[in-house]
Amino acid sequence: MKMIIAIVQDKDSNRLTDALAENNLKTTKLSTTGGFLREGNTTFMIGCDDDEVDDALGIIRKNCSQREQMVAPISPMGGNADSYIPKPVKVEVGGATVFVLPIDSFFQF
């Protein structure tokens, strides 16, 4: 048995939830916040048998798209922040960050 932890952008959350449900993969969704962009994410916890991992990863890959977003950089540490004029930069966001963990035991009470 495996535990898949997938961190996705909120924009992809509903589409991924529907796709996982259509394939009979049960999930738990958690609202989380990313450290880089400080924006909302959704973290999915998916418990599945070893032979379902590749299918689950394919569903995640298919439903979580990458996109470009303009982000204003954080002001530098120290110095006079009044003279700092941030110039937005383009960064690639989206997709999914996925961890697959082995599960030794599973209990449902």
PDB file of N, CA and C in Angstrom:
ATOM      1  N   MET A   1       0.850  -1.180   0.000  1.00  0.00           N
ATOM      2  CA  MET A   1       0.000   0.000   0.000  1.00  0.00           C
ATOM      3  C   MET A   1       0.889   1.233   0.000  1.00  0.00           C
ATOM      4  N   LYS A   2       0.405   2.282  -0.658  1.00  0.00           N
ATOM      5  CA  LYS A   2       1.142   3.549  -0.761  1.00  0.00           C
ATOM      6  C   LYS A   2       0.250   4.716  -0.363  1.00  0.00           C
ATOM      7  N   MET A   3       0.895   5.780   0.092  1.00  0.00           N
ATOM      8  CA  MET A   3       0.231   7.064   0.351  1.00  0.00           C
ATOM      9  C   MET A   3       0.822   8.050  -0.642  1.00  0.00           C
ATOM     10  N   ILE A   4      -0.037   8.620  -1.476  1.00  0.00           N
ATOM     11  CA  ILE A   4       0.392   9.649  -2.421  1.00  0.00           C
ATOM     12  C   ILE A   4      -0.024  10.993  -1.839  1.00  0.00           C
ATOM     13  N   ILE A   5       0.937  11.879  -1.707  1.00  0.00           N
ATOM     14  CA  ILE A   5       0.660  13.245  -1.263  1.00  0.00           C
ATOM     15  C   ILE A   5       0.953  14.145  -2.450  1.00  0.00           C
ATOM     16  N   ALA A   6      -0.082  14.812  -2.958  1.00  0.00           N
ATOM     17  CA  ALA A   6       0.047  15.661  -4.142  1.00  0.00           C
ATOM     18  C   ALA A   6      -0.357  17.089  -3.792  1.00  0.00           C
ATOM     19  N   ILE A   7       0.541  18.022  -4.028  1.00  0.00           N
ATOM     20  CA  ILE A   7       0.284  19.438  -3.768  1.00  0.00           C
ATOM     21  C   ILE A   7       0.046  20.103  -5.115  1.00  0.00           C
ATOM     22  N   VAL A   8      -1.163  20.664  -5.288  1.00  0.00           N
ATOM     23  CA  VAL A   8      -1.545  21.251  -6.572  1.00  0.00           C
ATOM     24  C   VAL A   8      -2.103  22.657  -6.349  1.00  0.00           C
ATOM     25  N   GLN A   9      -2.115  23.450  -7.405  1.00  0.00           N
ATOM     26  CA  GLN A   9      -2.712  24.782  -7.318  1.00  0.00           C
ATOM     27  C   GLN A   9      -4.219  24.655  -7.163  1.00  0.00           C
ATOM     28  N   ASP A  10      -4.807  25.587  -6.445  1.00  0.00           N
ATOM     29  CA  ASP A  10      -6.259  25.577  -6.259  1.00  0.00           C
ATOM     30  C   ASP A  10      -7.010  25.550  -7.593  1.00  0.00           C
ATOM     31  N   LYS A  11      -6.447  26.181  -8.625  1.00  0.00           N
ATOM     32  CA  LYS A  11      -7.107  26.225  -9.935  1.00  0.00           C
ATOM     33  C   LYS A  11      -7.321  24.831 -10.521  1.00  0.00           C
ATOM     34  N   ASP A  12      -6.474  23.873 -10.143  1.00  0.00           N
ATOM     35  CA  ASP A  12      -6.568  22.515 -10.671  1.00  0.00           C
ATOM     36  C   ASP A  12      -7.313  21.567  -9.736  1.00  0.00           C
ATOM     37  N   SER A  13      -7.659  22.029  -8.574  1.00  0.00           N
ATOM     38  CA  SER A  13      -8.197  21.166  -7.520  1.00  0.00           C
ATOM     39  C   SER A  13      -9.505  20.467  -7.886  1.00  0.00           C
ATOM     40  N   ASN A  14     -10.486  21.213  -8.367  1.00  0.00           N
ATOM     41  CA  ASN A  14     -11.792  20.603  -8.671  1.00  0.00           C
ATOM     42  C   ASN A  14     -11.706  19.594  -9.810  1.00  0.00           C
ATOM     43  N   ARG A  15     -10.939  19.936 -10.838  1.00  0.00           N
ATOM     44  CA  ARG A  15     -10.781  19.021 -11.972  1.00  0.00           C
ATOM     45  C   ARG A  15     -10.106  17.723 -11.522  1.00  0.00           C
ATOM     46  N   LEU A  16      -9.091  17.836 -10.662  1.00  0.00           N
ATOM     47  CA  LEU A  16      -8.394  16.652 -10.170  1.00  0.00           C
ATOM     48  C   LEU A  16      -9.297  15.829  -9.258  1.00  0.00           C
ATOM     49  N   THR A  17     -10.073  16.476  -8.408  1.00  0.00           N
ATOM     50  CA  THR A  17     -11.009  15.763  -7.529  1.00  0.00           C
ATOM     51  C   THR A  17     -11.976  14.919  -8.344  1.00  0.00           C
ATOM     52  N   ASP A  18     -12.546  15.514  -9.389  1.00  0.00           N
ATOM     53  CA  ASP A  18     -13.490  14.792 -10.246  1.00  0.00           C
ATOM     54  C   ASP A  18     -12.825  13.611 -10.941  1.00  0.00           C
ATOM     55  N   ALA A  19     -11.621  13.817 -11.464  1.00  0.00           N
ATOM     56  CA  ALA A  19     -10.928  12.755 -12.191  1.00  0.00           C
ATOM     57  C   ALA A  19     -10.560  11.596 -11.261  1.00  0.00           C
ATOM     58  N   LEU A  20     -10.124  11.905 -10.053  1.00  0.00           N
ATOM     59  CA  LEU A  20      -9.791  10.841  -9.098  1.00  0.00           C
ATOM     60  C   LEU A  20     -11.039  10.053  -8.705  1.00  0.00           C
ATOM     61  N   ALA A  21     -12.151  10.755  -8.489  1.00  0.00           N
ATOM     62  CA  ALA A  21     -13.405  10.086  -8.119  1.00  0.00           C
ATOM     63  C   ALA A  21     -13.910   9.191  -9.253  1.00  0.00           C
ATOM     64  N   GLU A  22     -13.789   9.653 -10.496  1.00  0.00           N
ATOM     65  CA  GLU A  22     -14.208   8.848 -11.652  1.00  0.00           C
ATOM     66  C   GLU A  22     -13.432   7.541 -11.750  1.00  0.00           C
ATOM     67  N   ASN A  23     -12.213   7.540 -11.211  1.00  0.00           N
ATOM     68  CA  ASN A  23     -11.367   6.355 -11.252  1.00  0.00           C
ATOM     69  C   ASN A  23     -11.348   5.616  -9.918  1.00  0.00           C
ATOM     70  N   ASN A  24     -12.345   5.896  -9.072  1.00  0.00           N
ATOM     71  CA  ASN A  24     -12.527   5.213  -7.783  1.00  0.00           C
ATOM     72  C   ASN A  24     -11.325   5.319  -6.854  1.00  0.00           C
ATOM     73  N   LEU A  25     -10.630   6.453  -6.899  1.00  0.00           N
ATOM     74  CA  LEU A  25      -9.540   6.706  -5.967  1.00  0.00           C
ATOM     75  C   LEU A  25     -10.061   7.654  -4.894  1.00  0.00           C
ATOM     76  N   LYS A  26     -10.051   7.191  -3.676  1.00  0.00           N
ATOM     77  CA  LYS A  26     -10.552   7.999  -2.563  1.00  0.00           C
ATOM     78  C   LYS A  26      -9.463   8.949  -2.084  1.00  0.00           C
ATOM     79  N   THR A  27      -9.874  10.184  -1.812  1.00  0.00           N
ATOM     80  CA  THR A  27      -8.902  11.209  -1.427  1.00  0.00           C
ATOM     81  C   THR A  27      -9.366  11.973  -0.202  1.00  0.00           C
ATOM     82  N   THR A  28      -8.403  12.580   0.449  1.00  0.00           N
ATOM     83  CA  THR A  28      -8.656  13.577   1.476  1.00  0.00           C
ATOM     84  C   THR A  28      -7.980  14.851   1.001  1.00  0.00           C
ATOM     85  N   LYS A  29      -8.733  15.963   0.993  1.00  0.00           N
ATOM     86  CA  LYS A  29      -8.209  17.242   0.532  1.00  0.00           C
ATOM     87  C   LYS A  29      -7.935  18.139   1.729  1.00  0.00           C
ATOM     88  N   LEU A  30      -6.796  18.812   1.678  1.00  0.00           N
ATOM     89  CA  LEU A  30      -6.423  19.774   2.704  1.00  0.00           C
ATOM     90  C   LEU A  30      -6.125  21.114   2.042  1.00  0.00           C
ATOM     91  N   SER A  31      -6.592  22.199   2.644  1.00  0.00           N
ATOM     92  CA  SER A  31      -6.237  23.525   2.150  1.00  0.00           C
ATOM     93  C   SER A  31      -4.871  23.886   2.719  1.00  0.00           C
ATOM     94  N   THR A  32      -3.946  24.245   1.833  1.00  0.00           N
ATOM     95  CA  THR A  32      -2.589  24.582   2.254  1.00  0.00           C
ATOM     96  C   THR A  32      -2.154  25.871   1.568  1.00  0.00           C
ATOM     97  N   THR A  33      -1.046  26.421   2.031  1.00  0.00           N
ATOM     98  CA  THR A  33      -0.496  27.645   1.447  1.00  0.00           C
ATOM     99  C   THR A  33       0.951  27.390   1.081  1.00  0.00           C
ATOM    100  N   GLY A  34       1.320  27.752  -0.143  1.00  0.00           N
ATOM    101  CA  GLY A  34       2.699  27.558  -0.596  1.00  0.00           C
ATOM    102  C   GLY A  34       3.636  28.583   0.010  1.00  0.00           C
ATOM    103  N   GLY A  35       4.880  28.197   0.172  1.00  0.00           N
ATOM    104  CA  GLY A  35       5.876  29.072   0.776  1.00  0.00           C
ATOM    105  C   GLY A  35       6.470  30.067  -0.195  1.00  0.00           C
ATOM    106  N   PHE A  36       6.503  29.748  -1.497  1.00  0.00           N
ATOM    107  CA  PHE A  36       7.141  30.638  -2.466  1.00  0.00           C
ATOM    108  C   PHE A  36       6.213  31.767  -2.886  1.00  0.00           C
ATOM    109  N   LEU A  37       5.044  31.432  -3.403  1.00  0.00           N
ATOM    110  CA  LEU A  37       4.102  32.458  -3.863  1.00  0.00           C
ATOM    111  C   LEU A  37       3.149  32.910  -2.770  1.00  0.00           C
ATOM    112  N   ARG A  38       3.108  32.174  -1.675  1.00  0.00           N
ATOM    113  CA  ARG A  38       2.211  32.460  -0.554  1.00  0.00           C
ATOM    114  C   ARG A  38       0.749  32.507  -1.015  1.00  0.00           C
ATOM    115  N   GLU A  39       0.415  31.594  -1.916  1.00  0.00           N
ATOM    116  CA  GLU A  39      -0.952  31.490  -2.424  1.00  0.00           C
ATOM    117  C   GLU A  39      -1.532  30.148  -2.035  1.00  0.00           C
ATOM    118  N   GLY A  40      -2.850  30.044  -2.150  1.00  0.00           N
ATOM    119  CA  GLY A  40      -3.538  28.823  -1.789  1.00  0.00           C
ATOM    120  C   GLY A  40      -3.203  27.648  -2.685  1.00  0.00           C
ATOM    121  N   ASN A  41      -3.030  26.510  -2.062  1.00  0.00           N
ATOM    122  CA  ASN A  41      -2.833  25.243  -2.742  1.00  0.00           C
ATOM    123  C   ASN A  41      -3.832  24.262  -2.172  1.00  0.00           C
ATOM    124  N   THR A  42      -3.937  23.113  -2.805  1.00  0.00           N
ATOM    125  CA  THR A  42      -4.699  22.013  -2.249  1.00  0.00           C
ATOM    126  C   THR A  42      -3.762  20.824  -2.169  1.00  0.00           C
ATOM    127  N   THR A  43      -3.726  20.194  -1.009  1.00  0.00           N
ATOM    128  CA  THR A  43      -2.916  18.997  -0.830  1.00  0.00           C
ATOM    129  C   THR A  43      -3.849  17.802  -0.767  1.00  0.00           C
ATOM    130  N   PHE A  44      -3.610  16.844  -1.648  1.00  0.00           N
ATOM    131  CA  PHE A  44      -4.402  15.621  -1.703  1.00  0.00           C
ATOM    132  C   PHE A  44      -3.630  14.500  -1.024  1.00  0.00           C
ATOM    133  N   MET A  45      -4.307  13.750  -0.193  1.00  0.00           N
ATOM    134  CA  MET A  45      -3.746  12.527   0.375  1.00  0.00           C
ATOM    135  C   MET A  45      -4.546  11.376  -0.221  1.00  0.00           C
ATOM    136  N   ILE A  46      -3.856  10.493  -0.929  1.00  0.00           N
ATOM    137  CA  ILE A  46      -4.505   9.405  -1.650  1.00  0.00           C
ATOM    138  C   ILE A  46      -3.886   8.089  -1.187  1.00  0.00           C
ATOM    139  N   GLY A  47      -4.675   7.262  -0.545  1.00  0.00           N
ATOM    140  CA  GLY A  47      -4.213   5.938  -0.170  1.00  0.00           C
ATOM    141  C   GLY A  47      -4.613   4.964  -1.260  1.00  0.00           C
ATOM    142  N   CYS A  48      -3.652   4.162  -1.746  1.00  0.00           N
ATOM    143  CA  CYS A  48      -3.977   3.224  -2.823  1.00  0.00           C
ATOM    144  C   CYS A  48      -3.069   2.005  -2.769  1.00  0.00           C
ATOM    145  N   ASP A  49      -3.498   0.965  -3.454  1.00  0.00           N
ATOM    146  CA  ASP A  49      -2.684  -0.241  -3.572  1.00  0.00           C
ATOM    147  C   ASP A  49      -1.492   0.047  -4.477  1.00  0.00           C
ATOM    148  N   ASP A  50      -0.452  -0.749  -4.347  1.00  0.00           N
ATOM    149  CA  ASP A  50       0.762  -0.546  -5.137  1.00  0.00           C
ATOM    150  C   ASP A  50       0.482  -0.518  -6.639  1.00  0.00           C
ATOM    151  N   ASP A  51      -0.430  -1.362  -7.094  1.00  0.00           N
ATOM    152  CA  ASP A  51      -0.702  -1.432  -8.529  1.00  0.00           C
ATOM    153  C   ASP A  51      -1.547  -0.274  -9.051  1.00  0.00           C
ATOM    154  N   GLU A  52      -2.031   0.599  -8.177  1.00  0.00           N
ATOM    155  CA  GLU A  52      -2.822   1.766  -8.597  1.00  0.00           C
ATOM    156  C   GLU A  52      -1.990   3.049  -8.667  1.00  0.00           C
ATOM    157  N   VAL A  53      -0.741   2.993  -8.216  1.00  0.00           N
ATOM    158  CA  VAL A  53       0.088   4.198  -8.140  1.00  0.00           C
ATOM    159  C   VAL A  53       0.302   4.823  -9.512  1.00  0.00           C
ATOM    160  N   ASP A  54       0.667   4.037 -10.505  1.00  0.00           N
ATOM    161  CA  ASP A  54       0.920   4.592 -11.839  1.00  0.00           C
ATOM    162  C   ASP A  54      -0.325   5.244 -12.423  1.00  0.00           C
ATOM    163  N   ASP A  55      -1.496   4.629 -12.202  1.00  0.00           N
ATOM    164  CA  ASP A  55      -2.745   5.221 -12.684  1.00  0.00           C
ATOM    165  C   ASP A  55      -3.005   6.555 -11.993  1.00  0.00           C
ATOM    166  N   ALA A  56      -2.811   6.599 -10.680  1.00  0.00           N
ATOM    167  CA  ALA A  56      -3.035   7.835  -9.919  1.00  0.00           C
ATOM    168  C   ALA A  56      -2.090   8.933 -10.377  1.00  0.00           C
ATOM    169  N   LEU A  57      -0.818   8.586 -10.598  1.00  0.00           N
ATOM    170  CA  LEU A  57       0.151   9.589 -11.062  1.00  0.00           C
ATOM    171  C   LEU A  57      -0.214  10.109 -12.452  1.00  0.00           C
ATOM    172  N   GLY A  58      -0.713   9.244 -13.309  1.00  0.00           N
ATOM    173  CA  GLY A  58      -1.146   9.666 -14.640  1.00  0.00           C
ATOM    174  C   GLY A  58      -2.322  10.631 -14.573  1.00  0.00           C
ATOM    175  N   ILE A  59      -3.257  10.361 -13.669  1.00  0.00           N
ATOM    176  CA  ILE A  59      -4.414  11.252 -13.495  1.00  0.00           C
ATOM    177  C   ILE A  59      -3.963  12.614 -12.988  1.00  0.00           C
ATOM    178  N   ILE A  60      -3.041  12.610 -12.031  1.00  0.00           N
ATOM    179  CA  ILE A  60      -2.520  13.873 -11.491  1.00  0.00           C
ATOM    180  C   ILE A  60      -1.809  14.650 -12.593  1.00  0.00           C
ATOM    181  N   ARG A  61      -0.952  13.977 -13.344  1.00  0.00           N
ATOM    182  CA  ARG A  61      -0.188  14.626 -14.427  1.00  0.00           C
ATOM    183  C   ARG A  61      -1.128  15.231 -15.477  1.00  0.00           C
ATOM    184  N   LYS A  62      -2.178  14.509 -15.811  1.00  0.00           N
ATOM    185  CA  LYS A  62      -3.111  14.955 -16.853  1.00  0.00           C
ATOM    186  C   LYS A  62      -3.952  16.155 -16.421  1.00  0.00           C
ATOM    187  N   ASN A  63      -4.240  16.277 -15.124  1.00  0.00           N
ATOM    188  CA  ASN A  63      -5.186  17.299 -14.653  1.00  0.00           C
ATOM    189  C   ASN A  63      -4.548  18.489 -13.945  1.00  0.00           C
ATOM    190  N   CYS A  64      -3.253  18.516 -13.830  1.00  0.00           N
ATOM    191  CA  CYS A  64      -2.568  19.630 -13.155  1.00  0.00           C
ATOM    192  C   CYS A  64      -1.601  20.279 -14.136  1.00  0.00           C
ATOM    193  N   SER A  65      -2.022  21.378 -14.722  1.00  0.00           N
ATOM    194  CA  SER A  65      -1.232  22.008 -15.776  1.00  0.00           C
ATOM    195  C   SER A  65      -0.308  23.083 -15.226  1.00  0.00           C
ATOM    196  N   GLN A  66       0.805  23.274 -15.931  1.00  0.00           N
ATOM    197  CA  GLN A  66       1.720  24.351 -15.586  1.00  0.00           C
ATOM    198  C   GLN A  66       1.339  25.590 -16.378  1.00  0.00           C
ATOM    199  N   ARG A  67       1.581  26.748 -15.787  1.00  0.00           N
ATOM    200  CA  ARG A  67       1.264  28.020 -16.436  1.00  0.00           C
ATOM    201  C   ARG A  67       2.262  29.067 -15.953  1.00  0.00           C
ATOM    202  N   GLU A  68       2.343  30.159 -16.679  1.00  0.00           N
ATOM    203  CA  GLU A  68       3.222  31.254 -16.270  1.00  0.00           C
ATOM    204  C   GLU A  68       2.400  32.305 -15.534  1.00  0.00           C
ATOM    205  N   GLN A  69       3.043  32.934 -14.544  1.00  0.00           N
ATOM    206  CA  GLN A  69       2.365  33.945 -13.739  1.00  0.00           C
ATOM    207  C   GLN A  69       3.357  35.053 -13.426  1.00  0.00           C
ATOM    208  N   MET A  70       2.888  36.280 -13.446  1.00  0.00           N
ATOM    209  CA  MET A  70       3.726  37.424 -13.078  1.00  0.00           C
ATOM    210  C   MET A  70       3.709  37.575 -11.555  1.00  0.00           C
ATOM    211  N   VAL A  71       4.907  37.713 -10.969  1.00  0.00           N
ATOM    212  CA  VAL A  71       5.043  37.803  -9.523  1.00  0.00           C
ATOM    213  C   VAL A  71       5.947  38.973  -9.193  1.00  0.00           C
ATOM    214  N   ALA A  72       5.536  39.790  -8.214  1.00  0.00           N
ATOM    215  CA  ALA A  72       6.386  40.878  -7.736  1.00  0.00           C
ATOM    216  C   ALA A  72       7.356  40.303  -6.709  1.00  0.00           C
ATOM    217  N   PRO A  73       8.652  40.495  -6.914  1.00  0.00           N
ATOM    218  CA  PRO A  73       9.624  39.952  -5.978  1.00  0.00           C
ATOM    219  C   PRO A  73       9.518  40.616  -4.610  1.00  0.00           C
ATOM    220  N   ILE A  74       9.934  39.893  -3.592  1.00  0.00           N
ATOM    221  CA  ILE A  74       9.936  40.407  -2.214  1.00  0.00           C
ATOM    222  C   ILE A  74      11.095  41.389  -2.082  1.00  0.00           C
ATOM    223  N   SER A  75      10.884  42.489  -1.316  1.00  0.00           N
ATOM    224  CA  SER A  75      11.940  43.485  -1.154  1.00  0.00           C
ATOM    225  C   SER A  75      13.155  42.850  -0.479  1.00  0.00           C
ATOM    226  N   PRO A  76      14.355  43.291  -0.863  1.00  0.00           N
ATOM    227  CA  PRO A  76      15.568  42.702  -0.303  1.00  0.00           C
ATOM    228  C   PRO A  76      15.704  43.019   1.180  1.00  0.00           C
ATOM    229  N   MET A  77      16.370  42.139   1.883  1.00  0.00           N
ATOM    230  CA  MET A  77      16.602  42.346   3.321  1.00  0.00           C
ATOM    231  C   MET A  77      17.590  43.494   3.510  1.00  0.00           C
ATOM    232  N   GLY A  78      17.337  44.326   4.493  1.00  0.00           N
ATOM    233  CA  GLY A  78      18.232  45.436   4.775  1.00  0.00           C
ATOM    234  C   GLY A  78      18.087  46.545   3.752  1.00  0.00           C
ATOM    235  N   GLY A  79      18.792  47.607   3.965  1.00  0.00           N
ATOM    236  CA  GLY A  79      18.737  48.721   3.016  1.00  0.00           C
ATOM    237  C   GLY A  79      17.434  49.483   3.145  1.00  0.00           C
ATOM    238  N   ASN A  80      17.296  50.491   2.334  1.00  0.00           N
ATOM    239  CA  ASN A  80      16.119  51.341   2.365  1.00  0.00           C
ATOM    240  C   ASN A  80      15.060  50.763   1.438  1.00  0.00           C
ATOM    241  N   ALA A  81      13.971  50.275   2.005  1.00  0.00           N
ATOM    242  CA  ALA A  81      12.895  49.669   1.217  1.00  0.00           C
ATOM    243  C   ALA A  81      12.111  50.713   0.434  1.00  0.00           C
ATOM    244  N   ASP A  82      12.214  51.998   0.840  1.00  0.00           N
ATOM    245  CA  ASP A  82      11.481  53.055   0.138  1.00  0.00           C
ATOM    246  C   ASP A  82      11.970  53.229  -1.297  1.00  0.00           C
ATOM    247  N   SER A  83      13.257  53.004  -1.539  1.00  0.00           N
ATOM    248  CA  SER A  83      13.803  53.213  -2.877  1.00  0.00           C
ATOM    249  C   SER A  83      13.719  51.939  -3.733  1.00  0.00           C
ATOM    250  N   TYR A  84      13.224  50.865  -3.163  1.00  0.00           N
ATOM    251  CA  TYR A  84      13.132  49.599  -3.898  1.00  0.00           C
ATOM    252  C   TYR A  84      11.829  49.561  -4.678  1.00  0.00           C
ATOM    253  N   ILE A  85      11.926  49.453  -5.988  1.00  0.00           N
ATOM    254  CA  ILE A  85      10.742  49.370  -6.847  1.00  0.00           C
ATOM    255  C   ILE A  85      10.757  47.980  -7.481  1.00  0.00           C
ATOM    256  N   PRO A  86       9.858  47.107  -7.005  1.00  0.00           N
ATOM    257  CA  PRO A  86       9.881  45.739  -7.541  1.00  0.00           C
ATOM    258  C   PRO A  86       9.408  45.688  -8.985  1.00  0.00           C
ATOM    259  N   LYS A  87      10.120  44.943  -9.795  1.00  0.00           N
ATOM    260  CA  LYS A  87       9.722  44.726 -11.184  1.00  0.00           C
ATOM    261  C   LYS A  87       9.180  43.300 -11.262  1.00  0.00           C
ATOM    262  N   PRO A  88       7.924  43.137 -11.649  1.00  0.00           N
ATOM    263  CA  PRO A  88       7.361  41.786 -11.722  1.00  0.00           C
ATOM    264  C   PRO A  88       8.187  40.892 -12.642  1.00  0.00           C
ATOM    265  N   VAL A  89       8.297  39.641 -12.224  1.00  0.00           N
ATOM    266  CA  VAL A  89       9.006  38.652 -13.032  1.00  0.00           C
ATOM    267  C   VAL A  89       8.048  37.518 -13.360  1.00  0.00           C
ATOM    268  N   LYS A  90       8.303  36.863 -14.477  1.00  0.00           N
ATOM    269  CA  LYS A  90       7.465  35.756 -14.917  1.00  0.00           C
ATOM    270  C   LYS A  90       8.035  34.460 -14.328  1.00  0.00           C
ATOM    271  N   VAL A  91       7.177  33.691 -13.633  1.00  0.00           N
ATOM    272  CA  VAL A  91       7.600  32.405 -13.088  1.00  0.00           C
ATOM    273  C   VAL A  91       6.627  31.326 -13.552  1.00  0.00           C
ATOM    274  N   GLU A  92       7.114  30.108 -13.618  1.00  0.00           N
ATOM    275  CA  GLU A  92       6.266  28.977 -13.987  1.00  0.00           C
ATOM    276  C   GLU A  92       5.653  28.407 -12.708  1.00  0.00           C
ATOM    277  N   VAL A  93       4.339  28.285 -12.686  1.00  0.00           N
ATOM    278  CA  VAL A  93       3.619  27.758 -11.532  1.00  0.00           C
ATOM    279  C   VAL A  93       2.716  26.619 -12.000  1.00  0.00           C
ATOM    280  N   GLY A  94       2.140  25.954 -11.059  1.00  0.00           N
ATOM    281  CA  GLY A  94       1.207  24.891 -11.397  1.00  0.00           C
ATOM    282  C   GLY A  94       1.883  23.551 -11.456  1.00  0.00           C
ATOM    283  N   GLY A  95       1.246  22.643 -12.156  1.00  0.00           N
ATOM    284  CA  GLY A  95       1.733  21.277 -12.143  1.00  0.00           C
ATOM    285  C   GLY A  95       1.403  20.669 -10.793  1.00  0.00           C
ATOM    286  N   ALA A  96       2.203  19.758 -10.353  1.00  0.00           N
ATOM    287  CA  ALA A  96       1.973  19.127  -9.062  1.00  0.00           C
ATOM    288  C   ALA A  96       3.304  18.715  -8.463  1.00  0.00           C
ATOM    289  N   THR A  97       3.395  18.799  -7.158  1.00  0.00           N
ATOM    290  CA  THR A  97       4.513  18.241  -6.416  1.00  0.00           C
ATOM    291  C   THR A  97       3.968  17.007  -5.724  1.00  0.00           C
ATOM    292  N   VAL A  98       4.560  15.852  -6.008  1.00  0.00           N
ATOM    293  CA  VAL A  98       3.983  14.583  -5.559  1.00  0.00           C
ATOM    294  C   VAL A  98       5.015  13.769  -4.789  1.00  0.00           C
ATOM    295  N   PHE A  99       4.575  13.222  -3.664  1.00  0.00           N
ATOM    296  CA  PHE A  99       5.377  12.304  -2.863  1.00  0.00           C
ATOM    297  C   PHE A  99       4.641  10.975  -2.805  1.00  0.00           C
ATOM    298  N   VAL A 100       5.361   9.877  -2.980  1.00  0.00           N
ATOM    299  CA  VAL A 100       4.775   8.546  -2.839  1.00  0.00           C
ATOM    300  C   VAL A 100       5.494   7.863  -1.682  1.00  0.00           C
ATOM    301  N   LEU A 101       4.716   7.520  -0.653  1.00  0.00           N
ATOM    302  CA  LEU A 101       5.285   6.954   0.574  1.00  0.00           C
ATOM    303  C   LEU A 101       4.783   5.532   0.804  1.00  0.00           C
ATOM    304  N   PRO A 102       5.658   4.657   1.296  1.00  0.00           N
ATOM    305  CA  PRO A 102       5.195   3.303   1.629  1.00  0.00           C
ATOM    306  C   PRO A 102       4.376   3.339   2.919  1.00  0.00           C
ATOM    307  N   ILE A 103       3.345   2.512   2.988  1.00  0.00           N
ATOM    308  CA  ILE A 103       2.507   2.417   4.180  1.00  0.00           C
ATOM    309  C   ILE A 103       2.665   1.014   4.751  1.00  0.00           C
ATOM    310  N   ASP A 104       3.104   0.939   6.000  1.00  0.00           N
ATOM    311  CA  ASP A 104       3.297  -0.352   6.663  1.00  0.00           C
ATOM    312  C   ASP A 104       1.970  -0.926   7.163  1.00  0.00           C
ATOM    313  N   SER A 105       1.111  -0.038   7.680  1.00  0.00           N
ATOM    314  CA  SER A 105      -0.160  -0.484   8.249  1.00  0.00           C
ATOM    315  C   SER A 105      -1.247   0.513   7.917  1.00  0.00           C
ATOM    316  N   PHE A 106      -2.476   0.014   7.840  1.00  0.00           N
ATOM    317  CA  PHE A 106      -3.627   0.863   7.574  1.00  0.00           C
ATOM    318  C   PHE A 106      -4.761   0.381   8.468  1.00  0.00           C
ATOM    319  N   PHE A 107      -5.369   1.310   9.195  1.00  0.00           N
ATOM    320  CA  PHE A 107      -6.484   0.973  10.086  1.00  0.00           C
ATOM    321  C   PHE A 107      -7.626   1.927   9.816  1.00  0.00           C
ATOM    322  N   GLN A 108      -8.818   1.415   9.809  1.00  0.00           N
ATOM    323  CA  GLN A 108      -9.997   2.257   9.664  1.00  0.00           C
ATOM    324  C   GLN A 108     -10.974   1.852  10.755  1.00  0.00           C
ATOM    325  N   PHE A 109     -11.254   2.760  11.671  1.00  0.00           N
ATOM    326  CA  PHE A 109     -12.125   2.458  12.813  1.00  0.00           C
ATOM    327  C   PHE A 109     -13.480   3.108  12.661  1.00  0.00           C
TER     328      PHE A 109
END
